[in-house]
Amino acid sequence: MNQFQSIREGYEEMGHQQYYQQHGSNYQNPHEHKIKQLLLIALTEWKPKLTKVLDLACGSGEITLMLQSLGVKNIVAIDPYTMLAFKKRTGQECLPISFEQIADGQIQDHQYSLIICSYAMHLADDSLLPGLCIQLAMISKHMIILSPHKRPIIKWGWNQNHEIIKDKIHARFYTSTYL
């Protein structure tokens, strides 16, 4: 059982990577309801193609489950820390690939119509962001990032087209400068 009152408290005491290594199997985003509402608004307004979606840092599957409820069938989930929580909740497997591995080119041979990253990319180390963003921009034309604040600031490989802020959650829509 998680000994922390909040995920933020766990981050402060352990750091986010250590927190997820120890508690990832029981992870569930406490803001899930608000995230789903905002993502539905964003998808309706921005109308990205949902032919093959990458659920990046998929957590316990909140984005995958929402997309499935909308009829999206081709979803690939990635998260090295919450694989057990994802499997428990969705009954599906996710790939144990980290931001560092993506920045090193591990998924460069794949293509997606859309990448969605919810409540995770703002945790990536600033030194990792350029390589991570460039690699992602080479595998998808569009990306949506959901974040509890203004971070991450994306400067590499992407142009920000739109932003919606609701209940202190930011949804940003990006277009790749490579594809």
C-alpha atoms as a PDB file:
ATOM      1  CA  MET A   1       0.000   0.000   0.000  1.00  0.00           C
ATOM      2  CA  ASN A   2       1.179   3.522  -0.756  1.00  0.00           C
ATOM      3  CA  GLN A   3       2.376   5.277   2.430  1.00  0.00           C
ATOM      4  CA  PHE A   4       2.048   8.784   0.952  1.00  0.00           C
ATOM      5  CA  GLN A   5      -0.980  11.064   1.234  1.00  0.00           C
ATOM      6  CA  SER A   6      -0.527  12.138  -2.391  1.00  0.00           C
ATOM      7  CA  ILE A   7       1.515  11.287  -5.442  1.00  0.00           C
ATOM      8  CA  ARG A   8       3.170  14.700  -5.161  1.00  0.00           C
ATOM      9  CA  GLU A   9       4.306  13.838  -1.627  1.00  0.00           C
ATOM     10  CA  GLY A  10       5.822  10.629  -2.992  1.00  0.00           C
ATOM     11  CA  TYR A  11       7.649  12.565  -5.721  1.00  0.00           C
ATOM     12  CA  GLU A  12       9.037  14.992  -3.148  1.00  0.00           C
ATOM     13  CA  GLU A  13      10.313  12.254  -0.866  1.00  0.00           C
ATOM     14  CA  MET A  14      11.505   9.688  -3.414  1.00  0.00           C
ATOM     15  CA  GLY A  15      11.719  11.413  -6.780  1.00  0.00           C
ATOM     16  CA  HIS A  16       9.247  10.497  -9.507  1.00  0.00           C
ATOM     17  CA  GLN A  17      11.256   7.638 -11.042  1.00  0.00           C
ATOM     18  CA  GLN A  18      11.813   5.847  -7.722  1.00  0.00           C
ATOM     19  CA  TYR A  19       8.189   6.491  -6.753  1.00  0.00           C
ATOM     20  CA  TYR A  20       6.892   4.733  -9.883  1.00  0.00           C
ATOM     21  CA  GLN A  21       9.386   1.885  -9.575  1.00  0.00           C
ATOM     22  CA  GLN A  22       8.012   1.150  -6.106  1.00  0.00           C
ATOM     23  CA  HIS A  23       4.344   2.109  -6.501  1.00  0.00           C
ATOM     24  CA  GLY A  24       3.637   1.866 -10.244  1.00  0.00           C
ATOM     25  CA  SER A  25       1.773  -1.447  -9.997  1.00  0.00           C
ATOM     26  CA  ASN A  26      -0.949   0.279  -7.943  1.00  0.00           C
ATOM     27  CA  TYR A  27      -0.974   3.607  -9.774  1.00  0.00           C
ATOM     28  CA  GLN A  28      -4.206   5.357 -10.680  1.00  0.00           C
ATOM     29  CA  ASN A  29      -4.343   9.029 -11.640  1.00  0.00           C
ATOM     30  CA  PRO A  30      -6.484  10.877  -9.059  1.00  0.00           C
ATOM     31  CA  HIS A  31      -7.467  13.418 -11.748  1.00  0.00           C
ATOM     32  CA  GLU A  32      -8.744  10.792 -14.179  1.00  0.00           C
ATOM     33  CA  HIS A  33     -12.308  12.100 -14.456  1.00  0.00           C
ATOM     34  CA  LYS A  34     -11.143  15.633 -15.288  1.00  0.00           C
ATOM     35  CA  ILE A  35      -8.518  14.323 -17.728  1.00  0.00           C
ATOM     36  CA  LYS A  36     -11.117  12.281 -19.612  1.00  0.00           C
ATOM     37  CA  GLN A  37     -13.477  15.274 -19.828  1.00  0.00           C
ATOM     38  CA  LEU A  38     -10.751  17.542 -21.175  1.00  0.00           C
ATOM     39  CA  LEU A  39      -9.456  14.960 -23.642  1.00  0.00           C
ATOM     40  CA  LEU A  40     -12.964  14.413 -25.007  1.00  0.00           C
ATOM     41  CA  ILE A  41     -13.327  18.177 -25.539  1.00  0.00           C
ATOM     42  CA  ALA A  42      -9.906  18.312 -27.218  1.00  0.00           C
ATOM     43  CA  LEU A  43     -10.563  15.347 -29.516  1.00  0.00           C
ATOM     44  CA  THR A  44     -13.931  16.804 -30.513  1.00  0.00           C
ATOM     45  CA  GLU A  45     -12.470  20.231 -31.231  1.00  0.00           C
ATOM     46  CA  TRP A  46      -9.166  19.240 -32.848  1.00  0.00           C
ATOM     47  CA  LYS A  47     -10.382  16.098 -34.686  1.00  0.00           C
ATOM     48  CA  PRO A  48      -7.049  14.238 -34.960  1.00  0.00           C
ATOM     49  CA  LYS A  49      -6.936  10.927 -36.819  1.00  0.00           C
ATOM     50  CA  LEU A  50      -7.307   8.017 -34.422  1.00  0.00           C
ATOM     51  CA  THR A  51      -6.233   5.207 -36.741  1.00  0.00           C
ATOM     52  CA  LYS A  52      -3.220   4.148 -34.649  1.00  0.00           C
ATOM     53  CA  VAL A  53      -2.682   5.844 -31.291  1.00  0.00           C
ATOM     54  CA  LEU A  54       0.325   5.663 -28.982  1.00  0.00           C
ATOM     55  CA  ASP A  55      -0.720   5.949 -25.323  1.00  0.00           C
ATOM     56  CA  LEU A  56       2.647   7.187 -24.077  1.00  0.00           C
ATOM     57  CA  ALA A  57       3.294   6.679 -20.345  1.00  0.00           C
ATOM     58  CA  CYS A  58      -0.082   4.933 -20.193  1.00  0.00           C
ATOM     59  CA  GLY A  59      -0.425   4.727 -16.419  1.00  0.00           C
ATOM     60  CA  SER A  60      -3.285   2.450 -15.413  1.00  0.00           C
ATOM     61  CA  GLY A  61      -4.968   2.757 -18.797  1.00  0.00           C
ATOM     62  CA  GLU A  62      -7.282   5.731 -18.383  1.00  0.00           C
ATOM     63  CA  ILE A  63      -6.541   7.070 -21.892  1.00  0.00           C
ATOM     64  CA  THR A  64      -6.641   3.628 -23.519  1.00  0.00           C
ATOM     65  CA  LEU A  65     -10.008   2.845 -21.917  1.00  0.00           C
ATOM     66  CA  MET A  66     -11.438   6.197 -22.966  1.00  0.00           C
ATOM     67  CA  LEU A  67     -10.243   5.759 -26.553  1.00  0.00           C
ATOM     68  CA  GLN A  68     -11.713   2.254 -26.660  1.00  0.00           C
ATOM     69  CA  SER A  69     -15.055   3.657 -25.478  1.00  0.00           C
ATOM     70  CA  LEU A  70     -14.904   5.955 -28.531  1.00  0.00           C
ATOM     71  CA  GLY A  71     -14.362   2.961 -30.825  1.00  0.00           C
ATOM     72  CA  VAL A  72     -10.591   3.303 -31.309  1.00  0.00           C
ATOM     73  CA  LYS A  73      -9.200  -0.184 -31.855  1.00  0.00           C
ATOM     74  CA  ASN A  74      -5.511   0.258 -32.686  1.00  0.00           C
ATOM     75  CA  ILE A  75      -3.861   1.547 -29.501  1.00  0.00           C
ATOM     76  CA  VAL A  76      -0.290   0.833 -28.431  1.00  0.00           C
ATOM     77  CA  ALA A  77       0.472   1.510 -24.761  1.00  0.00           C
ATOM     78  CA  ILE A  78       3.939   2.179 -23.344  1.00  0.00           C
ATOM     79  CA  ASP A  79       5.007   2.543 -19.713  1.00  0.00           C
ATOM     80  CA  PRO A  80       7.894   0.789 -17.947  1.00  0.00           C
ATOM     81  CA  TYR A  81       6.587   1.520 -14.443  1.00  0.00           C
ATOM     82  CA  THR A  82       2.832   0.915 -14.464  1.00  0.00           C
ATOM     83  CA  MET A  83       2.602  -2.218 -16.604  1.00  0.00           C
ATOM     84  CA  LEU A  84       0.939  -4.241 -13.838  1.00  0.00           C
ATOM     85  CA  ALA A  85      -1.616  -1.522 -13.079  1.00  0.00           C
ATOM     86  CA  PHE A  86      -2.351  -1.207 -16.809  1.00  0.00           C
ATOM     87  CA  LYS A  87      -2.812  -4.972 -17.211  1.00  0.00           C
ATOM     88  CA  LYS A  88      -5.010  -5.247 -14.093  1.00  0.00           C
ATOM     89  CA  ARG A  89      -7.299  -2.508 -15.311  1.00  0.00           C
ATOM     90  CA  THR A  90      -7.434  -3.071 -19.064  1.00  0.00           C
ATOM     91  CA  GLY A  91      -6.618  -6.774 -19.375  1.00  0.00           C
ATOM     92  CA  GLN A  92      -4.030  -5.828 -22.007  1.00  0.00           C
ATOM     93  CA  GLU A  93      -0.265  -5.676 -22.183  1.00  0.00           C
ATOM     94  CA  CYS A  94       1.778  -2.512 -22.484  1.00  0.00           C
ATOM     95  CA  LEU A  95       5.344  -2.211 -23.657  1.00  0.00           C
ATOM     96  CA  PRO A  96       8.022  -1.511 -20.992  1.00  0.00           C
ATOM     97  CA  ILE A  97       9.683   1.333 -22.895  1.00  0.00           C
ATOM     98  CA  SER A  98      10.980   4.427 -21.093  1.00  0.00           C
ATOM     99  CA  PHE A  99      11.375   8.010 -22.238  1.00  0.00           C
ATOM    100  CA  GLU A 100      15.141   7.394 -22.267  1.00  0.00           C
ATOM    101  CA  GLN A 101      14.754   4.410 -24.594  1.00  0.00           C
ATOM    102  CA  ILE A 102      12.502   6.423 -26.916  1.00  0.00           C
ATOM    103  CA  ALA A 103      15.070   9.254 -26.979  1.00  0.00           C
ATOM    104  CA  ASP A 104      17.658   6.612 -27.948  1.00  0.00           C
ATOM    105  CA  GLY A 105      15.531   5.631 -30.960  1.00  0.00           C
ATOM    106  CA  GLN A 106      13.976   2.400 -29.706  1.00  0.00           C
ATOM    107  CA  ILE A 107      10.598   2.995 -31.401  1.00  0.00           C
ATOM    108  CA  GLN A 108      11.833   4.899 -34.460  1.00  0.00           C
ATOM    109  CA  ASP A 109      10.574   2.176 -36.818  1.00  0.00           C
ATOM    110  CA  HIS A 110       6.946   2.666 -35.768  1.00  0.00           C
ATOM    111  CA  GLN A 111       4.354   5.156 -37.038  1.00  0.00           C
ATOM    112  CA  TYR A 112       1.278   6.507 -35.263  1.00  0.00           C
ATOM    113  CA  SER A 113      -1.513   8.833 -36.328  1.00  0.00           C
ATOM    114  CA  LEU A 114      -1.525  10.388 -32.828  1.00  0.00           C
ATOM    115  CA  ILE A 115       0.512  10.274 -29.627  1.00  0.00           C
ATOM    116  CA  ILE A 116      -1.257  11.062 -26.351  1.00  0.00           C
ATOM    117  CA  CYS A 117       0.820  11.604 -23.206  1.00  0.00           C
ATOM    118  CA  SER A 118      -1.171  12.252 -20.054  1.00  0.00           C
ATOM    119  CA  TYR A 119       0.402  13.565 -16.855  1.00  0.00           C
ATOM    120  CA  ALA A 120       3.897  12.255 -17.570  1.00  0.00           C
ATOM    121  CA  MET A 121       6.039  14.242 -19.995  1.00  0.00           C
ATOM    122  CA  HIS A 122       6.366  17.141 -17.539  1.00  0.00           C
ATOM    123  CA  LEU A 123       8.316  14.691 -15.346  1.00  0.00           C
ATOM    124  CA  ALA A 124      10.995  14.086 -18.003  1.00  0.00           C
ATOM    125  CA  ASP A 125      14.361  15.593 -17.222  1.00  0.00           C
ATOM    126  CA  ASP A 126      15.008  18.794 -19.192  1.00  0.00           C
ATOM    127  CA  SER A 127      18.153  17.275 -20.722  1.00  0.00           C
ATOM    128  CA  LEU A 128      16.075  14.370 -22.077  1.00  0.00           C
ATOM    129  CA  LEU A 129      13.317  16.450 -23.689  1.00  0.00           C
ATOM    130  CA  PRO A 130      15.089  17.434 -26.944  1.00  0.00           C
ATOM    131  CA  GLY A 131      15.904  13.850 -27.935  1.00  0.00           C
ATOM    132  CA  LEU A 132      12.545  12.531 -26.750  1.00  0.00           C
ATOM    133  CA  CYS A 133      10.579  15.189 -28.626  1.00  0.00           C
ATOM    134  CA  ILE A 134      12.553  14.770 -31.847  1.00  0.00           C
ATOM    135  CA  GLN A 135      12.137  10.985 -31.818  1.00  0.00           C
ATOM    136  CA  LEU A 136       8.388  11.345 -31.207  1.00  0.00           C
ATOM    137  CA  ALA A 137       8.093  13.935 -34.002  1.00  0.00           C
ATOM    138  CA  MET A 138       9.563  11.411 -36.420  1.00  0.00           C
ATOM    139  CA  ILE A 139       6.923   8.748 -35.667  1.00  0.00           C
ATOM    140  CA  SER A 140       3.692  10.755 -35.549  1.00  0.00           C
ATOM    141  CA  LYS A 141       2.221  13.788 -37.255  1.00  0.00           C
ATOM    142  CA  HIS A 142       0.214  14.824 -34.160  1.00  0.00           C
ATOM    143  CA  MET A 143       0.629  14.754 -30.396  1.00  0.00           C
ATOM    144  CA  ILE A 144      -1.574  15.749 -27.468  1.00  0.00           C
ATOM    145  CA  ILE A 145       0.019  16.387 -24.097  1.00  0.00           C
ATOM    146  CA  LEU A 146      -2.101  16.627 -20.960  1.00  0.00           C
ATOM    147  CA  SER A 147      -0.339  18.245 -18.022  1.00  0.00           C
ATOM    148  CA  PRO A 148      -1.165  19.729 -14.624  1.00  0.00           C
ATOM    149  CA  HIS A 149       0.779  22.895 -15.514  1.00  0.00           C
ATOM    150  CA  LYS A 150       2.686  24.686 -18.296  1.00  0.00           C
ATOM    151  CA  ARG A 151       5.493  22.143 -18.455  1.00  0.00           C
ATOM    152  CA  PRO A 152       6.783  20.592 -20.519  1.00  0.00           C
ATOM    153  CA  ILE A 153       7.857  23.347 -22.847  1.00  0.00           C
ATOM    154  CA  ILE A 154       8.183  21.653 -26.244  1.00  0.00           C
ATOM    155  CA  LYS A 155      10.659  23.372 -28.594  1.00  0.00           C
ATOM    156  CA  TRP A 156      12.064  20.477 -30.600  1.00  0.00           C
ATOM    157  CA  GLY A 157      10.346  18.868 -33.578  1.00  0.00           C
ATOM    158  CA  TRP A 158       6.846  20.154 -32.858  1.00  0.00           C
ATOM    159  CA  ASN A 159       4.692  23.230 -33.397  1.00  0.00           C
ATOM    160  CA  GLN A 160       1.986  23.875 -30.826  1.00  0.00           C
ATOM    161  CA  ASN A 161      -1.301  24.518 -32.643  1.00  0.00           C
ATOM    162  CA  HIS A 162      -3.879  24.704 -29.857  1.00  0.00           C
ATOM    163  CA  GLU A 163      -4.300  24.685 -26.099  1.00  0.00           C
ATOM    164  CA  ILE A 164      -7.297  24.175 -23.851  1.00  0.00           C
ATOM    165  CA  ILE A 165      -7.122  24.719 -20.101  1.00  0.00           C
ATOM    166  CA  LYS A 166      -9.914  23.328 -17.920  1.00  0.00           C
ATOM    167  CA  ASP A 167      -9.868  22.681 -14.173  1.00  0.00           C
ATOM    168  CA  LYS A 168      -6.149  23.620 -14.105  1.00  0.00           C
ATOM    169  CA  ILE A 169      -5.316  20.894 -16.633  1.00  0.00           C
ATOM    170  CA  HIS A 170      -3.585  21.876 -19.878  1.00  0.00           C
ATOM    171  CA  ALA A 171      -4.259  20.024 -23.129  1.00  0.00           C
ATOM    172  CA  ARG A 172      -1.903  20.994 -25.949  1.00  0.00           C
ATOM    173  CA  PHE A 173      -2.109  19.884 -29.579  1.00  0.00           C
ATOM    174  CA  TYR A 174       1.118  19.692 -31.584  1.00  0.00           C
ATOM    175  CA  THR A 175       1.998  19.054 -35.213  1.00  0.00           C
ATOM    176  CA  SER A 176       5.318  17.468 -36.153  1.00  0.00           C
ATOM    177  CA  THR A 177       7.807  19.572 -38.078  1.00  0.00           C
ATOM    178  CA  TYR A 178       9.227  16.358 -39.591  1.00  0.00           C
ATOM    179  CA  LEU A 179       6.147  14.683 -41.096  1.00  0.00           C
END
